[in-house]
């Protein structure tokens, strides 16, 4: 149930946040946490066997790959000149 919460919050973040950087942050964090909780649930369901070891390897890959991809997207956006959203005064 917790995984669905994180995935739902990520989807809401994609729709509601004002600029690319905040949207990527919301999607990256929620996607990583949602998938990790889903995989933990699968590991508990399977018990300790070869399948749960494979799920643990997938878990480690996601834990490394998702934040790296989010950082690469943000850095590429910064390099091409995409500026962060600034709240207008007044």
N, C-alpha and C. Protein backbone atom coordinates (compact mmCIF):
# COMPACT_ATOMS: atom_id res chain seq x y z
N UNK A 1 0.82 -1.20 0.00
CA UNK A 1 0.00 0.00 0.00
C UNK A 1 0.86 1.26 0.00
N UNK A 2 2.00 1.22 0.70
CA UNK A 2 2.90 2.38 0.75
C UNK A 2 3.50 2.68 -0.61
N UNK A 3 3.76 1.64 -1.40
CA UNK A 3 4.34 1.84 -2.72
C UNK A 3 3.37 2.62 -3.60
N UNK A 4 2.09 2.29 -3.52
CA UNK A 4 1.10 3.00 -4.32
C UNK A 4 1.02 4.47 -3.91
N UNK A 5 1.20 4.75 -2.62
CA UNK A 5 1.19 6.13 -2.15
C UNK A 5 2.32 6.92 -2.81
N UNK A 6 3.54 6.37 -2.80
CA UNK A 6 4.67 7.08 -3.39
C UNK A 6 4.49 7.26 -4.89
N UNK A 7 4.00 6.25 -5.57
CA UNK A 7 3.78 6.37 -7.01
C UNK A 7 2.68 7.39 -7.32
N UNK A 8 1.64 7.44 -6.50
CA UNK A 8 0.58 8.43 -6.68
C UNK A 8 1.10 9.85 -6.44
N UNK A 9 1.88 10.03 -5.38
CA UNK A 9 2.44 11.36 -5.09
C UNK A 9 3.36 11.81 -6.22
N UNK A 10 4.12 10.89 -6.80
CA UNK A 10 4.97 11.24 -7.94
C UNK A 10 4.15 11.69 -9.13
N UNK A 11 3.03 11.03 -9.39
CA UNK A 11 2.17 11.43 -10.50
C UNK A 11 1.55 12.80 -10.24
N UNK A 12 1.14 13.05 -9.02
CA UNK A 12 0.59 14.37 -8.67
C UNK A 12 1.67 15.43 -8.81
N UNK A 13 2.90 15.10 -8.39
CA UNK A 13 4.01 16.04 -8.52
C UNK A 13 4.29 16.40 -9.97
N UNK A 14 4.18 15.43 -10.86
CA UNK A 14 4.39 15.71 -12.28
C UNK A 14 3.34 16.68 -12.82
N UNK A 15 2.14 16.61 -12.29
CA UNK A 15 1.07 17.47 -12.78
C UNK A 15 1.05 18.85 -12.12
N UNK A 16 1.44 18.92 -10.86
CA UNK A 16 1.23 20.15 -10.10
C UNK A 16 2.46 21.06 -9.94
N UNK A 17 3.64 20.53 -10.02
CA UNK A 17 4.83 21.34 -9.74
C UNK A 17 5.15 22.26 -10.92
N UNK A 18 5.81 23.40 -10.66
CA UNK A 18 5.88 24.46 -11.66
C UNK A 18 6.92 24.30 -12.77
N UNK A 19 8.04 23.62 -12.54
CA UNK A 19 9.06 23.58 -13.58
C UNK A 19 9.67 22.19 -13.72
N UNK A 20 10.56 22.07 -14.67
CA UNK A 20 11.17 20.78 -15.01
C UNK A 20 11.93 20.20 -13.84
N UNK A 21 12.71 21.00 -13.15
CA UNK A 21 13.58 20.49 -12.09
C UNK A 21 12.78 19.93 -10.91
N UNK A 22 11.75 20.61 -10.50
CA UNK A 22 10.94 20.10 -9.39
C UNK A 22 10.15 18.86 -9.81
N UNK A 23 9.72 18.84 -11.07
CA UNK A 23 9.00 17.66 -11.56
C UNK A 23 9.91 16.44 -11.64
N UNK A 24 11.13 16.64 -12.11
CA UNK A 24 12.08 15.53 -12.18
C UNK A 24 12.42 15.05 -10.78
N UNK A 25 12.55 15.96 -9.84
CA UNK A 25 12.83 15.59 -8.46
C UNK A 25 11.70 14.74 -7.87
N UNK A 26 10.48 15.20 -8.07
CA UNK A 26 9.33 14.46 -7.54
C UNK A 26 9.22 13.08 -8.18
N UNK A 27 9.37 13.03 -9.48
CA UNK A 27 9.25 11.75 -10.18
C UNK A 27 10.38 10.80 -9.79
N UNK A 28 11.59 11.32 -9.68
CA UNK A 28 12.73 10.48 -9.35
C UNK A 28 12.65 9.90 -7.95
N UNK A 29 12.32 10.73 -6.99
CA UNK A 29 12.23 10.24 -5.61
C UNK A 29 11.07 9.26 -5.43
N UNK A 30 9.92 9.63 -5.93
CA UNK A 30 8.73 8.79 -5.73
C UNK A 30 8.82 7.50 -6.52
N UNK A 31 9.36 7.56 -7.71
CA UNK A 31 9.51 6.35 -8.51
C UNK A 31 10.47 5.38 -7.83
N UNK A 32 11.58 5.89 -7.33
CA UNK A 32 12.55 5.02 -6.65
C UNK A 32 11.96 4.41 -5.40
N UNK A 33 11.33 5.22 -4.56
CA UNK A 33 10.75 4.69 -3.32
C UNK A 33 9.60 3.74 -3.59
N UNK A 34 8.75 4.06 -4.54
CA UNK A 34 7.62 3.20 -4.87
C UNK A 34 8.07 1.84 -5.39
N UNK A 35 9.04 1.84 -6.28
CA UNK A 35 9.54 0.57 -6.81
C UNK A 35 10.26 -0.24 -5.74
N UNK A 36 11.03 0.43 -4.89
CA UNK A 36 11.74 -0.30 -3.84
C UNK A 36 10.76 -0.94 -2.86
N UNK A 37 9.71 -0.24 -2.49
CA UNK A 37 8.73 -0.83 -1.59
C UNK A 37 7.98 -1.99 -2.26
N UNK A 38 7.69 -1.85 -3.55
CA UNK A 38 7.05 -2.95 -4.27
C UNK A 38 7.95 -4.18 -4.31
N UNK A 39 9.22 -3.97 -4.55
CA UNK A 39 10.15 -5.11 -4.60
C UNK A 39 10.37 -5.73 -3.23
N UNK A 40 10.36 -4.92 -2.18
CA UNK A 40 10.46 -5.48 -0.82
C UNK A 40 9.23 -6.35 -0.54
N UNK A 41 8.08 -5.88 -0.95
CA UNK A 41 6.87 -6.69 -0.79
C UNK A 41 6.95 -8.00 -1.54
N UNK A 42 7.50 -7.97 -2.75
CA UNK A 42 7.66 -9.21 -3.51
C UNK A 42 8.65 -10.15 -2.84
N UNK A 43 9.72 -9.58 -2.26
CA UNK A 43 10.70 -10.42 -1.57
C UNK A 43 10.08 -11.09 -0.35
N UNK A 44 9.27 -10.37 0.39
CA UNK A 44 8.60 -10.94 1.56
C UNK A 44 7.62 -12.02 1.12
N UNK A 45 6.90 -11.77 0.04
CA UNK A 45 5.93 -12.73 -0.46
C UNK A 45 6.61 -14.03 -0.92
N UNK A 46 7.77 -13.90 -1.58
CA UNK A 46 8.46 -15.07 -2.11
C UNK A 46 9.18 -15.87 -1.03
N UNK A 47 9.56 -15.21 0.06
CA UNK A 47 10.38 -15.90 1.06
C UNK A 47 11.84 -15.86 0.62
N UNK A 48 12.70 -16.52 1.36
CA UNK A 48 14.12 -16.51 1.03
C UNK A 48 14.45 -17.66 0.09
N UNK A 49 14.62 -17.33 -1.19
CA UNK A 49 15.01 -18.32 -2.19
C UNK A 49 15.73 -17.60 -3.32
N UNK A 50 15.93 -18.29 -4.43
CA UNK A 50 16.66 -17.71 -5.55
C UNK A 50 15.92 -16.53 -6.17
N UNK A 51 14.60 -16.60 -6.20
CA UNK A 51 13.81 -15.50 -6.77
C UNK A 51 14.01 -14.22 -5.95
N UNK A 52 14.01 -14.34 -4.62
CA UNK A 52 14.20 -13.15 -3.78
C UNK A 52 15.62 -12.59 -3.93
N UNK A 53 16.59 -13.44 -4.21
CA UNK A 53 17.95 -12.96 -4.48
C UNK A 53 17.98 -12.16 -5.78
N UNK A 54 17.27 -12.62 -6.79
CA UNK A 54 17.19 -11.88 -8.05
C UNK A 54 16.47 -10.55 -7.86
N UNK A 55 15.43 -10.55 -7.05
CA UNK A 55 14.72 -9.30 -6.75
C UNK A 55 15.63 -8.33 -6.01
N UNK A 56 16.47 -8.84 -5.12
CA UNK A 56 17.44 -8.00 -4.40
C UNK A 56 18.44 -7.37 -5.36
N UNK A 57 18.87 -8.11 -6.37
CA UNK A 57 19.78 -7.57 -7.38
C UNK A 57 19.08 -6.47 -8.18
N UNK A 58 17.84 -6.69 -8.56
CA UNK A 58 17.06 -5.66 -9.26
C UNK A 58 16.91 -4.44 -8.37
N UNK A 59 16.65 -4.66 -7.09
CA UNK A 59 16.51 -3.58 -6.11
C UNK A 59 17.77 -2.72 -6.06
N UNK A 60 18.94 -3.35 -6.03
CA UNK A 60 20.21 -2.62 -5.99
C UNK A 60 20.41 -1.82 -7.28
N UNK A 61 20.06 -2.41 -8.41
CA UNK A 61 20.20 -1.71 -9.69
C UNK A 61 19.31 -0.47 -9.73
N UNK A 62 18.07 -0.61 -9.30
CA UNK A 62 17.15 0.54 -9.29
C UNK A 62 17.65 1.62 -8.34
N UNK A 63 18.17 1.21 -7.20
CA UNK A 63 18.67 2.16 -6.21
C UNK A 63 19.83 2.98 -6.77
N UNK A 64 20.61 2.41 -7.66
CA UNK A 64 21.72 3.14 -8.28
C UNK A 64 21.30 3.87 -9.57
N UNK A 65 20.47 3.24 -10.38
CA UNK A 65 20.17 3.78 -11.70
C UNK A 65 19.21 4.96 -11.68
N UNK A 66 18.16 4.92 -10.86
CA UNK A 66 17.16 5.99 -10.89
C UNK A 66 17.72 7.35 -10.47
N UNK A 67 18.44 7.46 -9.34
CA UNK A 67 19.00 8.78 -9.01
C UNK A 67 20.04 9.25 -10.02
N UNK A 68 20.80 8.33 -10.59
CA UNK A 68 21.79 8.70 -11.61
C UNK A 68 21.11 9.25 -12.85
N UNK A 69 20.04 8.62 -13.28
CA UNK A 69 19.30 9.09 -14.45
C UNK A 69 18.66 10.45 -14.19
N UNK A 70 18.11 10.62 -13.00
CA UNK A 70 17.50 11.91 -12.64
C UNK A 70 18.54 13.02 -12.65
N UNK A 71 19.71 12.75 -12.11
CA UNK A 71 20.78 13.74 -12.10
C UNK A 71 21.24 14.06 -13.53
N UNK A 72 21.36 13.04 -14.36
CA UNK A 72 21.78 13.27 -15.74
C UNK A 72 20.77 14.12 -16.51
N UNK A 73 19.48 13.85 -16.31
CA UNK A 73 18.45 14.67 -16.96
C UNK A 73 18.52 16.13 -16.51
N UNK A 74 18.66 16.33 -15.21
CA UNK A 74 18.72 17.69 -14.68
C UNK A 74 19.96 18.42 -15.16
N UNK A 75 21.07 17.74 -15.19
CA UNK A 75 22.31 18.36 -15.64
C UNK A 75 22.24 18.71 -17.13
N UNK A 76 21.67 17.84 -17.92
CA UNK A 76 21.52 18.13 -19.35
C UNK A 76 20.60 19.33 -19.57
N UNK A 77 19.53 19.41 -18.79
CA UNK A 77 18.62 20.56 -18.91
C UNK A 77 19.33 21.85 -18.53
N UNK A 78 20.17 21.80 -17.52
CA UNK A 78 20.91 23.00 -17.09
C UNK A 78 21.91 23.41 -18.17
N UNK A 79 22.57 22.43 -18.77
CA UNK A 79 23.59 22.74 -19.78
C UNK A 79 22.99 23.35 -21.05
N UNK A 80 21.75 22.98 -21.39
CA UNK A 80 21.14 23.58 -22.57
C UNK A 80 20.46 24.91 -22.26
N UNK A 81 20.52 25.34 -21.00
CA UNK A 81 20.04 26.67 -20.66
C UNK A 81 18.66 26.75 -20.05
N UNK A 82 18.11 25.65 -19.61
CA UNK A 82 16.79 25.68 -18.98
C UNK A 82 16.93 26.22 -17.56
N UNK A 83 16.33 27.36 -17.31
CA UNK A 83 16.44 28.01 -16.00
C UNK A 83 15.34 27.52 -15.06
N UNK A 84 15.64 27.46 -13.76
CA UNK A 84 14.62 27.07 -12.79
C UNK A 84 13.53 28.13 -12.69
N UNK A 85 12.36 27.70 -12.27
CA UNK A 85 11.23 28.61 -12.08
C UNK A 85 11.50 29.49 -10.87
N UNK A 86 11.20 30.77 -11.01
CA UNK A 86 11.34 31.72 -9.89
C UNK A 86 9.99 32.37 -9.63
N UNK A 87 9.61 32.43 -8.38
CA UNK A 87 8.34 33.05 -8.02
C UNK A 87 8.43 34.54 -8.27
N UNK A 88 7.40 35.07 -8.92
CA UNK A 88 7.37 36.50 -9.22
C UNK A 88 7.02 37.28 -7.95
N UNK A 89 7.72 38.35 -7.72
CA UNK A 89 7.45 39.22 -6.57
C UNK A 89 6.30 40.14 -6.91
N UNK A 90 5.47 40.39 -5.92
CA UNK A 90 4.43 41.37 -6.18
C UNK A 90 3.14 40.88 -5.89
